[in-house]
């Protein structure tokens, strides 16, 4: 059986080459989806519950599983809602650090894995398999180079999010310091949004 320079049968090269060319797109899309879900979940702690949205109203219009029916709007009900909002903010001061510490300790591995795979597949496409991709001025090579650079640039944001990560993990461990948990999470989400909309999207 005729083999190539890397020891693979020539009949296997087309499907393997196709898989390799698509691999960076698949892993980078997974990474971007991962980042978007992180943005959604952190935003849930920072935005008030959208009870006035059409979806929430439609849900509330269905039969309630609770025995007591909802009361009509009156000053007392309004005060109860304000009290509930304040209680939610105080609960977030405890819930956010605990949630974020768990989330960060588990989610970081999939983030690193997906970015490492994207970078590895991109470099493989640039340097290993197809001569036309290594030709100066090749459009395909240029896109793989841009994708690899953007993926590597993801890690440039580590120092920018490091302060908020340290603060939230510290709050979870019982440290006392300036700033509320919501403020630290909002700072983390801000840098995360910039990273997601720039290097993650390009990668």
N, C-alpha and C. Protein backbone atom coordinates (compact mmCIF):
# COMPACT_ATOMS: atom_id res chain seq x y z
N UNK A 1 0.86 -1.19 0.00
CA UNK A 1 0.00 0.00 0.00
C UNK A 1 0.89 1.24 0.00
N UNK A 2 0.60 2.17 -0.87
CA UNK A 2 1.39 3.39 -0.96
C UNK A 2 1.09 4.28 0.23
N UNK A 3 2.15 4.78 0.85
CA UNK A 3 1.99 5.65 2.01
C UNK A 3 2.58 7.01 1.74
N UNK A 4 2.21 7.98 2.57
CA UNK A 4 2.73 9.33 2.44
C UNK A 4 3.94 9.50 3.33
N UNK A 5 4.45 10.72 3.34
CA UNK A 5 5.64 11.01 4.13
C UNK A 5 5.40 10.81 5.62
N UNK A 6 4.15 11.01 6.06
CA UNK A 6 3.85 10.84 7.49
C UNK A 6 3.36 9.44 7.80
N UNK A 7 3.46 8.51 6.84
CA UNK A 7 3.18 7.11 7.10
C UNK A 7 1.74 6.69 7.00
N UNK A 8 0.87 7.52 6.44
CA UNK A 8 -0.54 7.18 6.31
C UNK A 8 -0.85 6.75 4.88
N UNK A 9 -1.76 5.80 4.71
CA UNK A 9 -2.17 5.42 3.35
C UNK A 9 -2.77 6.61 2.62
N UNK A 10 -2.49 6.72 1.34
CA UNK A 10 -2.99 7.86 0.58
C UNK A 10 -4.51 7.91 0.56
N UNK A 11 -5.16 6.76 0.66
CA UNK A 11 -6.62 6.74 0.66
C UNK A 11 -7.22 7.39 1.90
N UNK A 12 -6.43 7.49 2.97
CA UNK A 12 -6.93 8.10 4.21
C UNK A 12 -6.70 9.60 4.25
N UNK A 13 -5.86 10.11 3.37
CA UNK A 13 -5.49 11.52 3.45
C UNK A 13 -6.68 12.45 3.22
N UNK A 14 -7.52 12.27 2.17
CA UNK A 14 -8.62 13.22 1.97
C UNK A 14 -9.56 13.37 3.16
N UNK A 15 -10.10 12.28 3.75
CA UNK A 15 -11.00 12.47 4.90
C UNK A 15 -10.29 13.04 6.12
N UNK A 16 -9.04 12.63 6.35
CA UNK A 16 -8.30 13.17 7.49
C UNK A 16 -8.01 14.65 7.29
N UNK A 17 -7.67 15.01 6.06
CA UNK A 17 -7.37 16.40 5.76
C UNK A 17 -8.62 17.26 5.93
N UNK A 18 -9.75 16.75 5.46
CA UNK A 18 -11.01 17.49 5.63
C UNK A 18 -11.34 17.67 7.10
N UNK A 19 -11.16 16.61 7.89
CA UNK A 19 -11.43 16.69 9.32
C UNK A 19 -10.52 17.71 9.99
N UNK A 20 -9.26 17.73 9.58
CA UNK A 20 -8.31 18.66 10.19
C UNK A 20 -8.63 20.09 9.83
N UNK A 21 -9.03 20.33 8.58
CA UNK A 21 -9.36 21.70 8.18
C UNK A 21 -10.60 22.22 8.89
N UNK A 22 -11.53 21.32 9.24
CA UNK A 22 -12.75 21.73 9.93
C UNK A 22 -12.59 21.79 11.44
N UNK A 23 -11.61 21.10 11.98
CA UNK A 23 -11.45 20.99 13.43
C UNK A 23 -11.33 22.34 14.14
N UNK A 24 -10.52 23.30 13.64
CA UNK A 24 -10.45 24.58 14.35
C UNK A 24 -11.78 25.31 14.40
N UNK A 25 -12.58 25.19 13.32
CA UNK A 25 -13.89 25.83 13.31
C UNK A 25 -14.81 25.22 14.36
N UNK A 26 -14.75 23.91 14.49
CA UNK A 26 -15.62 23.21 15.45
C UNK A 26 -15.24 23.57 16.89
N UNK A 27 -13.94 23.50 17.20
CA UNK A 27 -13.51 23.77 18.57
C UNK A 27 -13.67 25.25 18.93
N UNK A 28 -13.42 26.15 17.97
CA UNK A 28 -13.57 27.58 18.26
C UNK A 28 -15.05 27.95 18.44
N UNK A 29 -15.93 27.29 17.68
CA UNK A 29 -17.37 27.51 17.86
C UNK A 29 -17.82 27.02 19.23
N UNK A 30 -17.30 25.88 19.64
CA UNK A 30 -17.62 25.36 20.97
C UNK A 30 -17.12 26.32 22.05
N UNK A 31 -15.93 26.88 21.84
CA UNK A 31 -15.36 27.82 22.81
C UNK A 31 -16.20 29.09 22.90
N UNK A 32 -16.65 29.60 21.73
CA UNK A 32 -17.47 30.81 21.72
C UNK A 32 -18.82 30.55 22.38
N UNK A 33 -19.40 29.39 22.13
CA UNK A 33 -20.67 29.02 22.78
C UNK A 33 -20.49 28.92 24.29
N UNK A 34 -19.38 28.33 24.71
CA UNK A 34 -19.04 28.22 26.13
C UNK A 34 -18.98 29.62 26.75
N UNK A 35 -18.29 30.54 26.07
CA UNK A 35 -18.15 31.90 26.58
C UNK A 35 -19.50 32.61 26.66
N UNK A 36 -20.35 32.40 25.67
CA UNK A 36 -21.67 33.03 25.66
C UNK A 36 -22.52 32.53 26.82
N UNK A 37 -22.47 31.23 27.09
CA UNK A 37 -23.23 30.69 28.21
C UNK A 37 -22.70 31.21 29.54
N UNK A 38 -21.39 31.40 29.64
CA UNK A 38 -20.82 32.01 30.85
C UNK A 38 -21.35 33.43 31.02
N UNK A 39 -21.45 34.16 29.92
CA UNK A 39 -21.97 35.53 29.98
C UNK A 39 -23.43 35.53 30.44
N UNK A 40 -24.21 34.60 29.91
CA UNK A 40 -25.62 34.53 30.30
C UNK A 40 -25.79 34.19 31.77
N UNK A 41 -25.04 33.21 32.25
CA UNK A 41 -25.21 32.77 33.63
C UNK A 41 -24.75 33.83 34.63
N UNK A 42 -23.66 34.53 34.32
CA UNK A 42 -23.21 35.59 35.23
C UNK A 42 -24.17 36.78 35.19
N UNK A 43 -24.76 37.05 34.03
CA UNK A 43 -25.70 38.17 33.92
C UNK A 43 -26.93 37.94 34.78
N UNK A 44 -27.28 36.68 35.01
CA UNK A 44 -28.46 36.38 35.81
C UNK A 44 -28.33 36.91 37.23
N UNK A 45 -27.10 37.03 37.73
CA UNK A 45 -26.88 37.56 39.08
C UNK A 45 -26.88 39.09 39.10
N UNK A 46 -26.70 39.72 37.95
CA UNK A 46 -26.50 41.16 37.90
C UNK A 46 -27.72 41.92 37.40
N UNK A 47 -28.65 41.25 36.78
CA UNK A 47 -29.84 41.90 36.25
C UNK A 47 -31.07 41.47 37.05
N UNK A 48 -32.03 42.39 37.25
CA UNK A 48 -33.24 42.02 37.98
C UNK A 48 -34.05 40.99 37.18
N UNK A 49 -34.79 40.14 37.86
CA UNK A 49 -35.60 39.14 37.15
C UNK A 49 -36.58 39.82 36.20
N UNK A 50 -36.64 39.40 34.94
CA UNK A 50 -37.52 40.06 33.95
C UNK A 50 -38.97 39.61 34.07
N UNK A 51 -39.60 39.95 35.18
CA UNK A 51 -40.98 39.51 35.41
C UNK A 51 -41.97 40.22 34.49
N UNK A 52 -41.56 41.36 33.91
CA UNK A 52 -42.47 42.09 33.02
C UNK A 52 -42.33 41.68 31.56
N UNK A 53 -41.46 40.73 31.28
CA UNK A 53 -41.29 40.28 29.89
C UNK A 53 -42.52 39.48 29.44
N UNK A 54 -42.69 39.37 28.13
CA UNK A 54 -43.83 38.63 27.60
C UNK A 54 -43.79 37.16 28.03
N UNK A 55 -42.58 36.60 28.02
CA UNK A 55 -42.46 35.19 28.40
C UNK A 55 -42.87 34.98 29.85
N UNK A 56 -42.36 35.86 30.75
CA UNK A 56 -42.71 35.72 32.17
C UNK A 56 -44.21 35.91 32.39
N UNK A 57 -44.79 36.89 31.69
CA UNK A 57 -46.23 37.11 31.83
C UNK A 57 -47.03 35.91 31.35
N UNK A 58 -46.58 35.30 30.26
CA UNK A 58 -47.27 34.12 29.74
C UNK A 58 -47.17 32.96 30.72
N UNK A 59 -46.00 32.82 31.34
CA UNK A 59 -45.82 31.75 32.33
C UNK A 59 -46.71 31.99 33.55
N UNK A 60 -46.74 33.25 34.02
CA UNK A 60 -47.54 33.57 35.20
C UNK A 60 -49.03 33.49 34.93
N UNK A 61 -49.42 33.57 33.65
CA UNK A 61 -50.84 33.47 33.30
C UNK A 61 -51.36 32.05 33.39
N UNK A 62 -50.46 31.09 33.42
CA UNK A 62 -50.87 29.69 33.55
C UNK A 62 -51.23 29.38 35.00
N UNK A 63 -51.95 28.28 35.24
CA UNK A 63 -52.35 27.94 36.62
C UNK A 63 -51.13 27.82 37.54
N UNK A 64 -51.25 28.39 38.73
CA UNK A 64 -50.15 28.38 39.69
C UNK A 64 -50.13 27.08 40.48
N UNK A 65 -48.93 26.54 40.74
CA UNK A 65 -48.84 25.33 41.57
C UNK A 65 -48.97 25.63 43.06
N UNK A 66 -49.01 26.94 43.42
CA UNK A 66 -49.10 27.32 44.82
C UNK A 66 -50.56 27.49 45.21
N UNK A 67 -50.84 27.29 46.50
CA UNK A 67 -52.22 27.34 46.98
C UNK A 67 -52.77 28.76 46.99
N UNK A 68 -51.91 29.74 47.31
CA UNK A 68 -52.38 31.12 47.41
C UNK A 68 -52.33 31.79 46.06
N UNK A 69 -53.39 32.46 45.69
CA UNK A 69 -53.43 33.18 44.41
C UNK A 69 -52.66 34.48 44.54
N UNK A 70 -52.11 35.01 43.44
CA UNK A 70 -51.39 36.27 43.50
C UNK A 70 -52.32 37.42 43.86
N UNK A 71 -51.84 38.33 44.69
CA UNK A 71 -52.64 39.47 45.12
C UNK A 71 -52.54 40.57 44.09
N UNK A 72 -53.51 41.47 44.12
CA UNK A 72 -53.49 42.61 43.20
C UNK A 72 -52.45 43.61 43.67
N UNK A 73 -52.08 44.51 42.76
CA UNK A 73 -51.05 45.49 43.07
C UNK A 73 -51.59 46.52 44.05
N UNK A 74 -50.90 46.74 45.15
CA UNK A 74 -51.25 47.76 46.12
C UNK A 74 -49.96 48.22 46.79
N UNK A 75 -50.01 49.32 47.59
CA UNK A 75 -48.78 49.81 48.22
C UNK A 75 -48.05 48.77 49.04
N UNK A 76 -48.80 47.92 49.75
CA UNK A 76 -48.15 46.90 50.58
C UNK A 76 -47.41 45.89 49.70
N UNK A 77 -48.04 45.50 48.59
CA UNK A 77 -47.38 44.57 47.67
C UNK A 77 -46.13 45.20 47.09
N UNK A 78 -46.19 46.50 46.78
CA UNK A 78 -45.02 47.20 46.25
C UNK A 78 -43.87 47.19 47.25
N UNK A 79 -44.20 47.41 48.52
CA UNK A 79 -43.17 47.38 49.55
C UNK A 79 -42.59 45.98 49.69
N UNK A 80 -43.43 44.98 49.56
CA UNK A 80 -42.95 43.60 49.64
C UNK A 80 -41.98 43.29 48.50
N UNK A 81 -42.28 43.82 47.31
CA UNK A 81 -41.39 43.61 46.17
C UNK A 81 -40.04 44.29 46.40
N UNK A 82 -40.08 45.52 46.94
CA UNK A 82 -38.83 46.22 47.23
C UNK A 82 -38.02 45.45 48.27
N UNK A 83 -38.71 44.93 49.27
CA UNK A 83 -38.02 44.15 50.30
C UNK A 83 -37.42 42.88 49.70
N UNK A 84 -38.13 42.26 48.77
CA UNK A 84 -37.62 41.06 48.12
C UNK A 84 -36.37 41.37 47.30
N UNK A 85 -36.38 42.53 46.63
CA UNK A 85 -35.21 42.93 45.85
C UNK A 85 -34.00 43.14 46.75
N UNK A 86 -34.22 43.80 47.89
CA UNK A 86 -33.13 44.03 48.84
C UNK A 86 -32.61 42.71 49.41
N UNK A 87 -33.52 41.81 49.71
CA UNK A 87 -33.10 40.50 50.22
C UNK A 87 -32.30 39.73 49.17
N UNK A 88 -32.70 39.88 47.91
CA UNK A 88 -31.98 39.20 46.83
C UNK A 88 -30.56 39.73 46.71
N UNK A 89 -30.40 41.05 46.85
CA UNK A 89 -29.06 41.64 46.79
C UNK A 89 -28.18 41.13 47.92
N UNK A 90 -28.75 41.03 49.11
CA UNK A 90 -27.98 40.53 50.24
C UNK A 90 -27.64 39.05 50.05
N UNK A 91 -28.58 38.30 49.50
CA UNK A 91 -28.31 36.88 49.25
C UNK A 91 -27.22 36.71 48.21
N UNK A 92 -27.21 37.61 47.22
CA UNK A 92 -26.18 37.53 46.18
C UNK A 92 -24.78 37.74 46.74
N UNK A 93 -24.68 38.52 47.81
CA UNK A 93 -23.38 38.76 48.41
C UNK A 93 -22.76 37.45 48.89
N UNK A 94 -23.59 36.49 49.27
CA UNK A 94 -23.11 35.17 49.67
C UNK A 94 -23.11 34.18 48.51
N UNK A 95 -24.16 34.26 47.69
CA UNK A 95 -24.33 33.26 46.62
C UNK A 95 -23.33 33.45 45.49
N UNK A 96 -23.05 34.69 45.11
CA UNK A 96 -22.16 34.94 43.96
C UNK A 96 -20.76 34.38 44.19
N UNK A 97 -20.10 34.68 45.32
CA UNK A 97 -18.75 34.12 45.51
C UNK A 97 -18.74 32.60 45.52
N UNK A 98 -19.74 31.98 46.18
CA UNK A 98 -19.78 30.52 46.24
C UNK A 98 -20.01 29.93 44.85
N UNK A 99 -20.95 30.51 44.12
CA UNK A 99 -21.23 30.02 42.76
C UNK A 99 -20.03 30.23 41.85
N UNK A 100 -19.43 31.43 41.89
CA UNK A 100 -18.33 31.75 40.98
C UNK A 100 -17.13 30.86 41.25
N UNK A 101 -16.83 30.61 42.51
CA UNK A 101 -15.68 29.76 42.84
C UNK A 101 -15.87 28.35 42.29
N UNK A 102 -17.07 27.81 42.44
CA UNK A 102 -17.37 26.48 41.89
C UNK A 102 -17.32 26.51 40.36
N UNK A 103 -17.95 27.51 39.78
CA UNK A 103 -18.00 27.67 38.33
C UNK A 103 -16.60 27.81 37.74
N UNK A 104 -15.75 28.60 38.38
CA UNK A 104 -14.42 28.85 37.84
C UNK A 104 -13.54 27.61 37.96
N UNK A 105 -13.67 26.90 39.07
CA UNK A 105 -12.84 25.71 39.28
C UNK A 105 -13.20 24.56 38.35
N UNK A 106 -14.41 24.56 37.82
CA UNK A 106 -14.81 23.50 36.89
C UNK A 106 -14.72 23.96 35.44
N UNK A 107 -15.16 25.19 35.17
CA UNK A 107 -15.21 25.67 33.79
C UNK A 107 -13.87 25.97 33.17
N UNK A 108 -12.86 26.27 33.98
CA UNK A 108 -11.58 26.66 33.43
C UNK A 108 -10.94 25.54 32.62
N UNK A 109 -11.20 24.30 32.99
CA UNK A 109 -10.57 23.18 32.29
C UNK A 109 -11.11 23.03 30.87
N UNK A 110 -12.41 23.18 30.69
CA UNK A 110 -12.97 23.08 29.34
C UNK A 110 -12.55 24.27 28.49
N UNK A 111 -12.41 25.45 29.10
CA UNK A 111 -11.95 26.63 28.36
C UNK A 111 -10.53 26.42 27.85
N UNK A 112 -9.65 25.99 28.74
CA UNK A 112 -8.25 25.75 28.35
C UNK A 112 -8.17 24.64 27.31
N UNK A 113 -8.95 23.58 27.50
CA UNK A 113 -8.91 22.46 26.56
C UNK A 113 -9.36 22.88 25.17
N UNK A 114 -10.47 23.62 25.08
CA UNK A 114 -10.98 24.04 23.78
C UNK A 114 -10.02 25.01 23.09
N UNK A 115 -9.46 25.94 23.84
CA UNK A 115 -8.51 26.88 23.23
C UNK A 115 -7.23 26.18 22.80
N UNK A 116 -6.77 25.22 23.60
CA UNK A 116 -5.57 24.47 23.23
C UNK A 116 -5.80 23.65 21.97
N UNK A 117 -6.97 23.02 21.86
CA UNK A 117 -7.29 22.25 20.66
C UNK A 117 -7.38 23.15 19.44
N UNK A 118 -8.04 24.30 19.59
CA UNK A 118 -8.15 25.22 18.45
C UNK A 118 -6.78 25.69 17.99
N UNK A 119 -5.92 26.05 18.94
CA UNK A 119 -4.58 26.50 18.59
C UNK A 119 -3.78 25.38 17.94
N UNK A 120 -3.87 24.19 18.47
CA UNK A 120 -3.11 23.05 17.93
C UNK A 120 -3.58 22.70 16.52
N UNK A 121 -4.88 22.65 16.31
CA UNK A 121 -5.41 22.33 14.99
C UNK A 121 -5.05 23.42 13.97
N UNK A 122 -5.10 24.67 14.41
CA UNK A 122 -4.75 25.76 13.50
C UNK A 122 -3.29 25.68 13.09
N UNK A 123 -2.41 25.44 14.05
CA UNK A 123 -0.98 25.32 13.74
C UNK A 123 -0.72 24.12 12.84
N UNK A 124 -1.45 23.04 13.06
CA UNK A 124 -1.28 21.85 12.22
C UNK A 124 -1.67 22.16 10.78
N UNK A 125 -2.75 22.90 10.60
CA UNK A 125 -3.17 23.28 9.25
C UNK A 125 -2.17 24.21 8.59
N UNK A 126 -1.54 25.06 9.38
CA UNK A 126 -0.59 26.02 8.82
C UNK A 126 0.70 25.34 8.39
N UNK A 127 1.21 24.44 9.22
CA UNK A 127 2.58 23.97 9.04
C UNK A 127 2.72 22.52 8.58
N UNK A 128 1.72 21.67 8.78
CA UNK A 128 1.99 20.25 8.61
C UNK A 128 1.45 19.61 7.34
N UNK A 129 0.19 19.83 7.01
CA UNK A 129 -0.45 18.92 6.08
C UNK A 129 -0.46 19.33 4.62
N UNK A 130 -0.70 20.57 4.31
CA UNK A 130 -0.91 20.92 2.91
C UNK A 130 0.05 22.02 2.48
N UNK A 131 0.86 21.77 1.47
CA UNK A 131 1.85 22.76 1.04
C UNK A 131 1.25 24.10 0.66
N UNK A 132 0.06 24.11 0.06
CA UNK A 132 -0.51 25.37 -0.39
C UNK A 132 -0.82 26.31 0.76
N UNK A 133 -1.05 25.73 1.97
CA UNK A 133 -1.36 26.56 3.12
C UNK A 133 -0.12 27.26 3.66
N UNK A 134 1.06 26.77 3.31
CA UNK A 134 2.27 27.40 3.81
C UNK A 134 2.87 28.36 2.79
N UNK A 135 2.22 28.53 1.66
CA UNK A 135 2.68 29.47 0.65
C UNK A 135 2.37 30.88 1.10
N UNK A 136 3.36 31.78 0.94
CA UNK A 136 3.15 33.17 1.35
C UNK A 136 1.99 33.76 0.55
N UNK A 137 1.11 34.45 1.24
CA UNK A 137 -0.04 35.06 0.59
C UNK A 137 -1.24 34.16 0.45
N UNK A 138 -1.15 32.92 0.88
CA UNK A 138 -2.29 32.01 0.78
C UNK A 138 -3.42 32.51 1.66
N UNK A 139 -4.62 32.59 1.08
CA UNK A 139 -5.78 33.08 1.84
C UNK A 139 -6.10 32.13 2.99
N UNK A 140 -6.04 30.83 2.70
CA UNK A 140 -6.35 29.85 3.74
C UNK A 140 -5.38 29.97 4.90
N UNK A 141 -4.09 30.06 4.58
CA UNK A 141 -3.08 30.16 5.63
C UNK A 141 -3.28 31.42 6.45
N UNK A 142 -3.63 32.50 5.78
CA UNK A 142 -3.83 33.76 6.48
C UNK A 142 -4.95 33.64 7.52
N UNK A 143 -6.03 32.97 7.15
CA UNK A 143 -7.14 32.82 8.09
C UNK A 143 -6.76 31.93 9.26
N UNK A 144 -6.01 30.89 8.99
CA UNK A 144 -5.57 30.02 10.09
C UNK A 144 -4.61 30.76 11.03
N UNK A 145 -3.76 31.61 10.46
CA UNK A 145 -2.85 32.41 11.28
C UNK A 145 -3.63 33.38 12.15
N UNK A 146 -4.63 34.05 11.56
CA UNK A 146 -5.46 34.98 12.33
C UNK A 146 -6.19 34.25 13.46
N UNK A 147 -6.75 33.08 13.13
CA UNK A 147 -7.46 32.31 14.15
C UNK A 147 -6.55 31.85 15.27
N UNK A 148 -5.34 31.41 14.91
CA UNK A 148 -4.39 30.96 15.93
C UNK A 148 -3.96 32.12 16.82
N UNK A 149 -3.72 33.29 16.21
CA UNK A 149 -3.30 34.46 16.98
C UNK A 149 -4.41 34.91 17.93
N UNK A 150 -5.65 34.91 17.43
CA UNK A 150 -6.78 35.31 18.28
C UNK A 150 -6.98 34.34 19.43
N UNK A 151 -6.81 33.06 19.16
CA UNK A 151 -6.95 32.05 20.22
C UNK A 151 -5.89 32.23 21.28
N UNK A 152 -4.65 32.49 20.85
CA UNK A 152 -3.57 32.72 21.81
C UNK A 152 -3.82 34.00 22.61
N UNK A 153 -4.43 35.01 21.95
CA UNK A 153 -4.69 36.28 22.62
C UNK A 153 -5.73 36.15 23.72
N UNK A 154 -6.48 35.06 23.72
CA UNK A 154 -7.44 34.81 24.81
C UNK A 154 -6.74 34.89 26.16
N UNK A 155 -5.53 34.37 26.22
CA UNK A 155 -4.80 34.31 27.49
C UNK A 155 -4.24 35.67 27.89
N UNK A 156 -4.24 36.64 26.97
CA UNK A 156 -3.79 37.98 27.32
C UNK A 156 -4.76 38.65 28.28
N UNK A 157 -5.97 38.14 28.38
CA UNK A 157 -6.97 38.72 29.28
C UNK A 157 -6.85 38.18 30.70
N UNK A 158 -5.99 37.20 30.91
CA UNK A 158 -5.86 36.61 32.24
C UNK A 158 -5.52 37.66 33.30
N UNK A 159 -4.53 38.55 33.06
CA UNK A 159 -4.24 39.57 34.08
C UNK A 159 -5.40 40.53 34.30
N UNK A 160 -6.22 40.75 33.27
CA UNK A 160 -7.32 41.70 33.37
C UNK A 160 -8.47 41.16 34.22
N UNK A 161 -8.70 39.86 34.17
CA UNK A 161 -9.77 39.25 34.98
C UNK A 161 -9.25 38.72 36.30
N UNK A 162 -7.94 38.70 36.46
CA UNK A 162 -7.34 38.10 37.66
C UNK A 162 -7.76 38.77 38.95
N UNK A 163 -7.90 40.11 38.94
CA UNK A 163 -8.25 40.84 40.17
C UNK A 163 -9.64 40.44 40.66
N UNK A 164 -10.61 40.41 39.74
CA UNK A 164 -11.97 40.07 40.14
C UNK A 164 -12.08 38.60 40.53
N UNK A 165 -11.35 37.73 39.86
CA UNK A 165 -11.35 36.31 40.23
C UNK A 165 -10.82 36.14 41.64
N UNK A 166 -9.70 36.81 41.93
CA UNK A 166 -9.10 36.72 43.27
C UNK A 166 -10.05 37.25 44.33
N UNK A 167 -10.73 38.35 44.03
CA UNK A 167 -11.64 38.95 45.00
C UNK A 167 -12.82 38.03 45.29
N UNK A 168 -13.40 37.43 44.26
CA UNK A 168 -14.58 36.58 44.45
C UNK A 168 -14.23 35.29 45.18
N UNK A 169 -13.10 34.69 44.83
CA UNK A 169 -12.67 33.48 45.54
C UNK A 169 -12.33 33.82 46.99
N UNK A 170 -11.75 35.01 47.20
CA UNK A 170 -11.45 35.44 48.56
C UNK A 170 -12.71 35.65 49.39
N UNK A 171 -13.74 36.26 48.78
CA UNK A 171 -15.01 36.43 49.49
C UNK A 171 -15.62 35.08 49.85
N UNK A 172 -15.46 34.11 48.96
CA UNK A 172 -16.00 32.77 49.23
C UNK A 172 -15.29 32.12 50.41
N UNK A 173 -14.01 32.41 50.56
CA UNK A 173 -13.23 31.79 51.64
C UNK A 173 -13.38 32.55 52.96
N UNK A 174 -14.14 33.65 52.94
CA UNK A 174 -14.40 34.38 54.18
C UNK A 174 -13.57 35.63 54.35
N UNK A 175 -12.78 36.00 53.36
CA UNK A 175 -12.00 37.23 53.46
C UNK A 175 -12.93 38.44 53.43
N UNK A 176 -12.54 39.49 54.12
CA UNK A 176 -13.29 40.74 54.13
C UNK A 176 -12.49 41.79 53.38
N UNK A 177 -13.18 42.54 52.53
CA UNK A 177 -12.49 43.57 51.78
C UNK A 177 -13.47 44.55 51.16
N UNK A 178 -12.92 45.52 50.45
CA UNK A 178 -13.76 46.52 49.81
C UNK A 178 -14.44 45.94 48.58
N UNK A 179 -15.63 46.45 48.31
CA UNK A 179 -16.35 46.01 47.13
C UNK A 179 -17.30 44.86 47.41
N UNK A 180 -18.46 44.95 46.78
CA UNK A 180 -19.45 43.90 46.94
C UNK A 180 -19.26 42.84 45.86
N UNK A 181 -19.84 41.68 46.12
CA UNK A 181 -19.68 40.57 45.17
C UNK A 181 -20.23 40.93 43.80
N UNK A 182 -21.36 41.65 43.76
CA UNK A 182 -21.95 42.03 42.48
C UNK A 182 -21.00 42.92 41.69
N UNK A 183 -20.30 43.81 42.37
CA UNK A 183 -19.37 44.71 41.68
C UNK A 183 -18.19 43.94 41.08
N UNK A 184 -17.67 42.97 41.82
CA UNK A 184 -16.56 42.17 41.31
C UNK A 184 -17.02 41.30 40.14
N UNK A 185 -18.22 40.74 40.26
CA UNK A 185 -18.72 39.91 39.16
C UNK A 185 -18.99 40.76 37.92
N UNK A 186 -19.48 41.98 38.12
CA UNK A 186 -19.71 42.87 36.99
C UNK A 186 -18.40 43.23 36.30
N UNK A 187 -17.34 43.42 37.08
CA UNK A 187 -16.03 43.69 36.48
C UNK A 187 -15.55 42.49 35.66
N UNK A 188 -15.71 41.29 36.23
CA UNK A 188 -15.30 40.08 35.50
C UNK A 188 -16.10 39.94 34.21
N UNK A 189 -17.41 40.14 34.29
CA UNK A 189 -18.25 40.00 33.11
C UNK A 189 -17.91 41.04 32.04
N UNK A 190 -17.51 42.24 32.48
CA UNK A 190 -17.14 43.27 31.52
C UNK A 190 -15.96 42.85 30.67
N UNK A 191 -14.89 42.39 31.32
CA UNK A 191 -13.72 41.92 30.58
C UNK A 191 -14.05 40.66 29.78
N UNK A 192 -14.88 39.81 30.35
CA UNK A 192 -15.27 38.59 29.65
C UNK A 192 -16.04 38.92 28.37
N UNK A 193 -16.91 39.92 28.44
CA UNK A 193 -17.66 40.33 27.26
C UNK A 193 -16.77 40.90 26.18
N UNK A 194 -15.78 41.69 26.58
CA UNK A 194 -14.82 42.23 25.61
C UNK A 194 -14.05 41.10 24.95
N UNK A 195 -13.59 40.16 25.76
CA UNK A 195 -12.83 39.02 25.22
C UNK A 195 -13.69 38.17 24.30
N UNK A 196 -14.92 37.92 24.70
CA UNK A 196 -15.81 37.09 23.88
C UNK A 196 -16.12 37.76 22.54
N UNK A 197 -16.34 39.07 22.57
CA UNK A 197 -16.70 39.79 21.35
C UNK A 197 -15.52 40.14 20.46
N UNK A 198 -14.32 39.89 20.93
CA UNK A 198 -13.13 40.22 20.13
C UNK A 198 -12.36 38.95 19.77
N UNK A 199 -11.46 38.52 20.63
CA UNK A 199 -10.56 37.42 20.27
C UNK A 199 -11.30 36.08 20.16
N UNK A 200 -12.30 35.84 21.03
CA UNK A 200 -13.04 34.58 20.94
C UNK A 200 -13.84 34.50 19.64
N UNK A 201 -14.45 35.62 19.25
CA UNK A 201 -15.24 35.64 18.02
C UNK A 201 -14.35 35.49 16.79
N UNK A 202 -13.22 36.20 16.78
CA UNK A 202 -12.29 36.10 15.65
C UNK A 202 -11.67 34.71 15.58
N UNK A 203 -11.32 34.15 16.77
CA UNK A 203 -10.71 32.82 16.81
C UNK A 203 -11.62 31.75 16.27
